[in-house]
């Protein structure tokens, strides 16, 4: 686990925000609910949990338009086509691609996609100057997000 994430989770636990700590753990590592809860419990007891490394990000050549198409396919129930597209673009195995498409279909956060999208963000919000990253942007589409500080719309550079 990255030291910065461990410090962030410790801070949330100290402020009695255990649910937020579990949520952040899931967002940053891509682990499941039980694994994140167990990790936060271990941190609360002074241990350093062993968590999987974050899932790989998408192939750099996958454009925001392709990400938007992938989301649309998943939302429309075109699971097989979305998996096919994702595997072709990333070289991922069937299980990894299926898990991402299912998460998209159900409207759940997908760290694998958010990281790829965040890489195409400007460093700072043009509206308020805040540093931008996966935890400070709510994605509106594959080409635009909303700054969680000021509500301004940020377009990706892709």
C-alpha atoms as a PDB file:
ATOM      1  CA  UNK A   1       0.000   0.000   0.000  1.00  0.00           C
ATOM      2  CA  UNK A   2       1.291   3.439  -0.921  1.00  0.00           C
ATOM      3  CA  UNK A   3       2.434   5.418   2.157  1.00  0.00           C
ATOM      4  CA  UNK A   4       0.268   8.413   1.123  1.00  0.00           C
ATOM      5  CA  UNK A   5      -2.845   6.230   0.999  1.00  0.00           C
ATOM      6  CA  UNK A   6      -1.998   4.638   4.332  1.00  0.00           C
ATOM      7  CA  UNK A   7      -1.634   8.103   5.901  1.00  0.00           C
ATOM      8  CA  UNK A   8      -4.922   9.247   4.352  1.00  0.00           C
ATOM      9  CA  UNK A   9      -6.752   6.183   5.670  1.00  0.00           C
ATOM     10  CA  UNK A  10      -5.243   6.621   9.145  1.00  0.00           C
ATOM     11  CA  UNK A  11      -6.461  10.219   9.151  1.00  0.00           C
ATOM     12  CA  UNK A  12      -9.987   9.212   8.175  1.00  0.00           C
ATOM     13  CA  UNK A  13     -10.022   6.517  10.862  1.00  0.00           C
ATOM     14  CA  UNK A  14      -8.770   8.992  13.476  1.00  0.00           C
ATOM     15  CA  UNK A  15     -11.629  11.347  12.525  1.00  0.00           C
ATOM     16  CA  UNK A  16     -14.096   8.446  12.945  1.00  0.00           C
ATOM     17  CA  UNK A  17     -14.812   8.316   9.204  1.00  0.00           C
ATOM     18  CA  UNK A  18     -14.370   4.581   8.781  1.00  0.00           C
ATOM     19  CA  UNK A  19     -16.893   4.285   5.936  1.00  0.00           C
ATOM     20  CA  UNK A  20     -15.045   6.985   3.983  1.00  0.00           C
ATOM     21  CA  UNK A  21     -11.763   5.164   4.666  1.00  0.00           C
ATOM     22  CA  UNK A  22     -13.229   1.943   3.248  1.00  0.00           C
ATOM     23  CA  UNK A  23     -14.525   3.841   0.212  1.00  0.00           C
ATOM     24  CA  UNK A  24     -11.126   5.478  -0.444  1.00  0.00           C
ATOM     25  CA  UNK A  25      -9.373   2.134  -0.037  1.00  0.00           C
ATOM     26  CA  UNK A  26     -11.671   0.618  -2.666  1.00  0.00           C
ATOM     27  CA  UNK A  27     -11.246   3.579  -5.021  1.00  0.00           C
ATOM     28  CA  UNK A  28      -7.465   3.558  -4.815  1.00  0.00           C
ATOM     29  CA  UNK A  29      -6.810  -0.196  -4.854  1.00  0.00           C
ATOM     30  CA  UNK A  30      -9.755  -1.605  -6.779  1.00  0.00           C
ATOM     31  CA  UNK A  31     -10.316  -4.209  -4.061  1.00  0.00           C
ATOM     32  CA  UNK A  32     -13.731  -5.473  -2.988  1.00  0.00           C
ATOM     33  CA  UNK A  33     -15.803  -4.279  -0.042  1.00  0.00           C
ATOM     34  CA  UNK A  34     -14.794  -7.068   2.353  1.00  0.00           C
ATOM     35  CA  UNK A  35     -11.093  -6.744   1.526  1.00  0.00           C
ATOM     36  CA  UNK A  36     -11.245  -2.951   2.000  1.00  0.00           C
ATOM     37  CA  UNK A  37     -13.095  -3.306   5.319  1.00  0.00           C
ATOM     38  CA  UNK A  38     -10.552  -5.867   6.546  1.00  0.00           C
ATOM     39  CA  UNK A  39      -7.708  -3.551   5.492  1.00  0.00           C
ATOM     40  CA  UNK A  40      -9.225  -0.561   7.310  1.00  0.00           C
ATOM     41  CA  UNK A  41      -9.816  -2.738  10.407  1.00  0.00           C
ATOM     42  CA  UNK A  42      -6.144  -3.797  10.291  1.00  0.00           C
ATOM     43  CA  UNK A  43      -4.989  -0.168   9.970  1.00  0.00           C
ATOM     44  CA  UNK A  44      -7.213   0.739  12.924  1.00  0.00           C
ATOM     45  CA  UNK A  45      -5.376  -1.926  14.961  1.00  0.00           C
ATOM     46  CA  UNK A  46      -1.969  -0.502  13.968  1.00  0.00           C
ATOM     47  CA  UNK A  47      -1.151  -3.031  11.264  1.00  0.00           C
ATOM     48  CA  UNK A  48      -0.193  -2.411   7.641  1.00  0.00           C
ATOM     49  CA  UNK A  49      -2.386  -4.598   5.429  1.00  0.00           C
ATOM     50  CA  UNK A  50      -1.165  -6.268   2.270  1.00  0.00           C
ATOM     51  CA  UNK A  51      -3.426  -5.131  -0.534  1.00  0.00           C
ATOM     52  CA  UNK A  52      -3.210  -5.834  -4.239  1.00  0.00           C
ATOM     53  CA  UNK A  53      -1.588  -3.250  -6.439  1.00  0.00           C
ATOM     54  CA  UNK A  54      -4.091  -1.089  -8.293  1.00  0.00           C
ATOM     55  CA  UNK A  55      -5.394  -2.672 -11.459  1.00  0.00           C
ATOM     56  CA  UNK A  56      -3.559  -1.662 -14.630  1.00  0.00           C
ATOM     57  CA  UNK A  57      -4.662   1.462 -16.414  1.00  0.00           C
ATOM     58  CA  UNK A  58      -5.958   1.343 -19.937  1.00  0.00           C
ATOM     59  CA  UNK A  59      -3.711   1.343 -22.959  1.00  0.00           C
ATOM     60  CA  UNK A  60      -2.469   4.886 -23.568  1.00  0.00           C
ATOM     61  CA  UNK A  61      -3.853   4.842 -27.107  1.00  0.00           C
ATOM     62  CA  UNK A  62      -7.471   4.473 -25.944  1.00  0.00           C
ATOM     63  CA  UNK A  63      -9.036   7.852 -26.648  1.00  0.00           C
ATOM     64  CA  UNK A  64     -11.745   9.568 -24.599  1.00  0.00           C
ATOM     65  CA  UNK A  65     -14.142   8.903 -27.500  1.00  0.00           C
ATOM     66  CA  UNK A  66     -13.380   5.168 -27.275  1.00  0.00           C
ATOM     67  CA  UNK A  67     -13.935   5.263 -23.512  1.00  0.00           C
ATOM     68  CA  UNK A  68     -17.289   6.956 -24.065  1.00  0.00           C
ATOM     69  CA  UNK A  69     -18.247   4.294 -26.608  1.00  0.00           C
ATOM     70  CA  UNK A  70     -17.246   1.601 -24.120  1.00  0.00           C
ATOM     71  CA  UNK A  71     -19.461   3.147 -21.428  1.00  0.00           C
ATOM     72  CA  UNK A  72     -22.385   3.403 -23.840  1.00  0.00           C
ATOM     73  CA  UNK A  73     -22.035  -0.230 -24.905  1.00  0.00           C
ATOM     74  CA  UNK A  74     -21.955  -1.343 -21.283  1.00  0.00           C
ATOM     75  CA  UNK A  75     -24.943   0.806 -20.293  1.00  0.00           C
ATOM     76  CA  UNK A  76     -26.955  -0.491 -23.272  1.00  0.00           C
ATOM     77  CA  UNK A  77     -26.289  -4.097 -22.245  1.00  0.00           C
ATOM     78  CA  UNK A  78     -23.951  -4.796 -25.175  1.00  0.00           C
ATOM     79  CA  UNK A  79     -21.651  -6.663 -22.801  1.00  0.00           C
ATOM     80  CA  UNK A  80     -19.984  -8.978 -25.312  1.00  0.00           C
ATOM     81  CA  UNK A  81     -19.157  -6.141 -27.703  1.00  0.00           C
ATOM     82  CA  UNK A  82     -17.874  -3.940 -24.854  1.00  0.00           C
ATOM     83  CA  UNK A  83     -15.640  -6.754 -23.568  1.00  0.00           C
ATOM     84  CA  UNK A  84     -14.355  -7.411 -27.076  1.00  0.00           C
ATOM     85  CA  UNK A  85     -13.534  -3.719 -27.541  1.00  0.00           C
ATOM     86  CA  UNK A  86     -11.813  -3.433 -24.157  1.00  0.00           C
ATOM     87  CA  UNK A  87      -9.723  -6.568 -24.664  1.00  0.00           C
ATOM     88  CA  UNK A  88      -8.627  -5.411 -28.106  1.00  0.00           C
ATOM     89  CA  UNK A  89      -7.578  -2.004 -26.763  1.00  0.00           C
ATOM     90  CA  UNK A  90      -5.823  -3.193 -23.600  1.00  0.00           C
ATOM     91  CA  UNK A  91      -4.687  -6.770 -24.113  1.00  0.00           C
ATOM     92  CA  UNK A  92      -6.447  -7.681 -20.862  1.00  0.00           C
ATOM     93  CA  UNK A  93      -7.778 -11.159 -20.187  1.00  0.00           C
ATOM     94  CA  UNK A  94     -11.459 -12.045 -20.312  1.00  0.00           C
ATOM     95  CA  UNK A  95     -12.019 -11.815 -16.548  1.00  0.00           C
ATOM     96  CA  UNK A  96     -10.418  -8.372 -16.170  1.00  0.00           C
ATOM     97  CA  UNK A  97     -12.355  -6.968 -19.118  1.00  0.00           C
ATOM     98  CA  UNK A  98     -15.603  -8.573 -17.946  1.00  0.00           C
ATOM     99  CA  UNK A  99     -15.208  -7.109 -14.427  1.00  0.00           C
ATOM    100  CA  UNK A 100     -14.685  -3.605 -15.818  1.00  0.00           C
ATOM    101  CA  UNK A 101     -17.650  -3.842 -18.198  1.00  0.00           C
ATOM    102  CA  UNK A 102     -19.918  -5.181 -15.419  1.00  0.00           C
ATOM    103  CA  UNK A 103     -18.878  -2.315 -13.149  1.00  0.00           C
ATOM    104  CA  UNK A 104     -19.685   0.163 -15.929  1.00  0.00           C
ATOM    105  CA  UNK A 105     -23.033  -1.509 -16.568  1.00  0.00           C
ATOM    106  CA  UNK A 106     -23.969  -1.231 -12.899  1.00  0.00           C
ATOM    107  CA  UNK A 107     -22.748   2.376 -12.608  1.00  0.00           C
ATOM    108  CA  UNK A 108     -20.012   1.502 -10.105  1.00  0.00           C
ATOM    109  CA  UNK A 109     -16.665   3.326  -9.972  1.00  0.00           C
ATOM    110  CA  UNK A 110     -13.997   1.759 -12.182  1.00  0.00           C
ATOM    111  CA  UNK A 111     -10.511   2.723 -10.991  1.00  0.00           C
ATOM    112  CA  UNK A 112      -8.966   1.241 -14.134  1.00  0.00           C
ATOM    113  CA  UNK A 113     -10.844   3.757 -16.281  1.00  0.00           C
ATOM    114  CA  UNK A 114     -10.677   6.714 -13.920  1.00  0.00           C
ATOM    115  CA  UNK A 115      -6.877   6.513 -13.815  1.00  0.00           C
ATOM    116  CA  UNK A 116      -6.685   6.513 -17.591  1.00  0.00           C
ATOM    117  CA  UNK A 117      -9.042   9.465 -17.813  1.00  0.00           C
ATOM    118  CA  UNK A 118      -7.251  11.344 -15.040  1.00  0.00           C
ATOM    119  CA  UNK A 119      -4.009  11.093 -17.003  1.00  0.00           C
ATOM    120  CA  UNK A 120      -5.583  13.299 -19.663  1.00  0.00           C
ATOM    121  CA  UNK A 121      -6.729  15.992 -17.204  1.00  0.00           C
ATOM    122  CA  UNK A 122      -4.993  19.341 -16.870  1.00  0.00           C
ATOM    123  CA  UNK A 123      -2.930  19.574 -13.669  1.00  0.00           C
ATOM    124  CA  UNK A 124      -5.195  22.249 -12.177  1.00  0.00           C
ATOM    125  CA  UNK A 125      -8.844  23.240 -12.479  1.00  0.00           C
ATOM    126  CA  UNK A 126      -9.177  26.275 -14.740  1.00  0.00           C
ATOM    127  CA  UNK A 127     -11.997  27.583 -12.535  1.00  0.00           C
ATOM    128  CA  UNK A 128     -10.506  27.424  -9.036  1.00  0.00           C
ATOM    129  CA  UNK A 129      -6.903  26.291  -9.489  1.00  0.00           C
ATOM    130  CA  UNK A 130      -7.325  23.106  -7.411  1.00  0.00           C
ATOM    131  CA  UNK A 131      -5.063  20.138  -8.159  1.00  0.00           C
ATOM    132  CA  UNK A 132      -6.962  17.581 -10.207  1.00  0.00           C
ATOM    133  CA  UNK A 133      -6.930  13.804  -9.949  1.00  0.00           C
ATOM    134  CA  UNK A 134      -9.229  10.772  -9.695  1.00  0.00           C
ATOM    135  CA  UNK A 135     -10.470  11.750  -6.235  1.00  0.00           C
ATOM    136  CA  UNK A 136     -11.210  15.394  -7.103  1.00  0.00           C
ATOM    137  CA  UNK A 137     -13.203  14.888 -10.305  1.00  0.00           C
ATOM    138  CA  UNK A 138     -16.663  13.431 -10.891  1.00  0.00           C
ATOM    139  CA  UNK A 139     -16.776  12.155 -14.454  1.00  0.00           C
ATOM    140  CA  UNK A 140     -19.612  13.461 -16.618  1.00  0.00           C
ATOM    141  CA  UNK A 141     -18.421  11.644 -19.742  1.00  0.00           C
ATOM    142  CA  UNK A 142     -15.192  10.208 -21.083  1.00  0.00           C
ATOM    143  CA  UNK A 143     -14.270  13.702 -22.297  1.00  0.00           C
ATOM    144  CA  UNK A 144     -15.304  15.876 -19.352  1.00  0.00           C
ATOM    145  CA  UNK A 145     -15.453  15.886 -15.583  1.00  0.00           C
ATOM    146  CA  UNK A 146     -16.713  18.164 -12.842  1.00  0.00           C
ATOM    147  CA  UNK A 147     -14.315  19.696 -10.316  1.00  0.00           C
ATOM    148  CA  UNK A 148     -15.496  18.648  -6.854  1.00  0.00           C
ATOM    149  CA  UNK A 149     -14.193  21.915  -5.385  1.00  0.00           C
ATOM    150  CA  UNK A 150     -15.902  24.510  -7.565  1.00  0.00           C
ATOM    151  CA  UNK A 151     -18.274  22.528  -9.796  1.00  0.00           C
ATOM    152  CA  UNK A 152     -16.546  23.729 -12.941  1.00  0.00           C
ATOM    153  CA  UNK A 153     -16.464  21.506 -16.026  1.00  0.00           C
ATOM    154  CA  UNK A 154     -13.020  20.239 -17.005  1.00  0.00           C
ATOM    155  CA  UNK A 155     -12.335  18.830 -20.427  1.00  0.00           C
ATOM    156  CA  UNK A 156      -9.752  16.119 -20.926  1.00  0.00           C
ATOM    157  CA  UNK A 157      -6.841  16.664 -23.245  1.00  0.00           C
ATOM    158  CA  UNK A 158      -7.511  13.445 -25.210  1.00  0.00           C
END
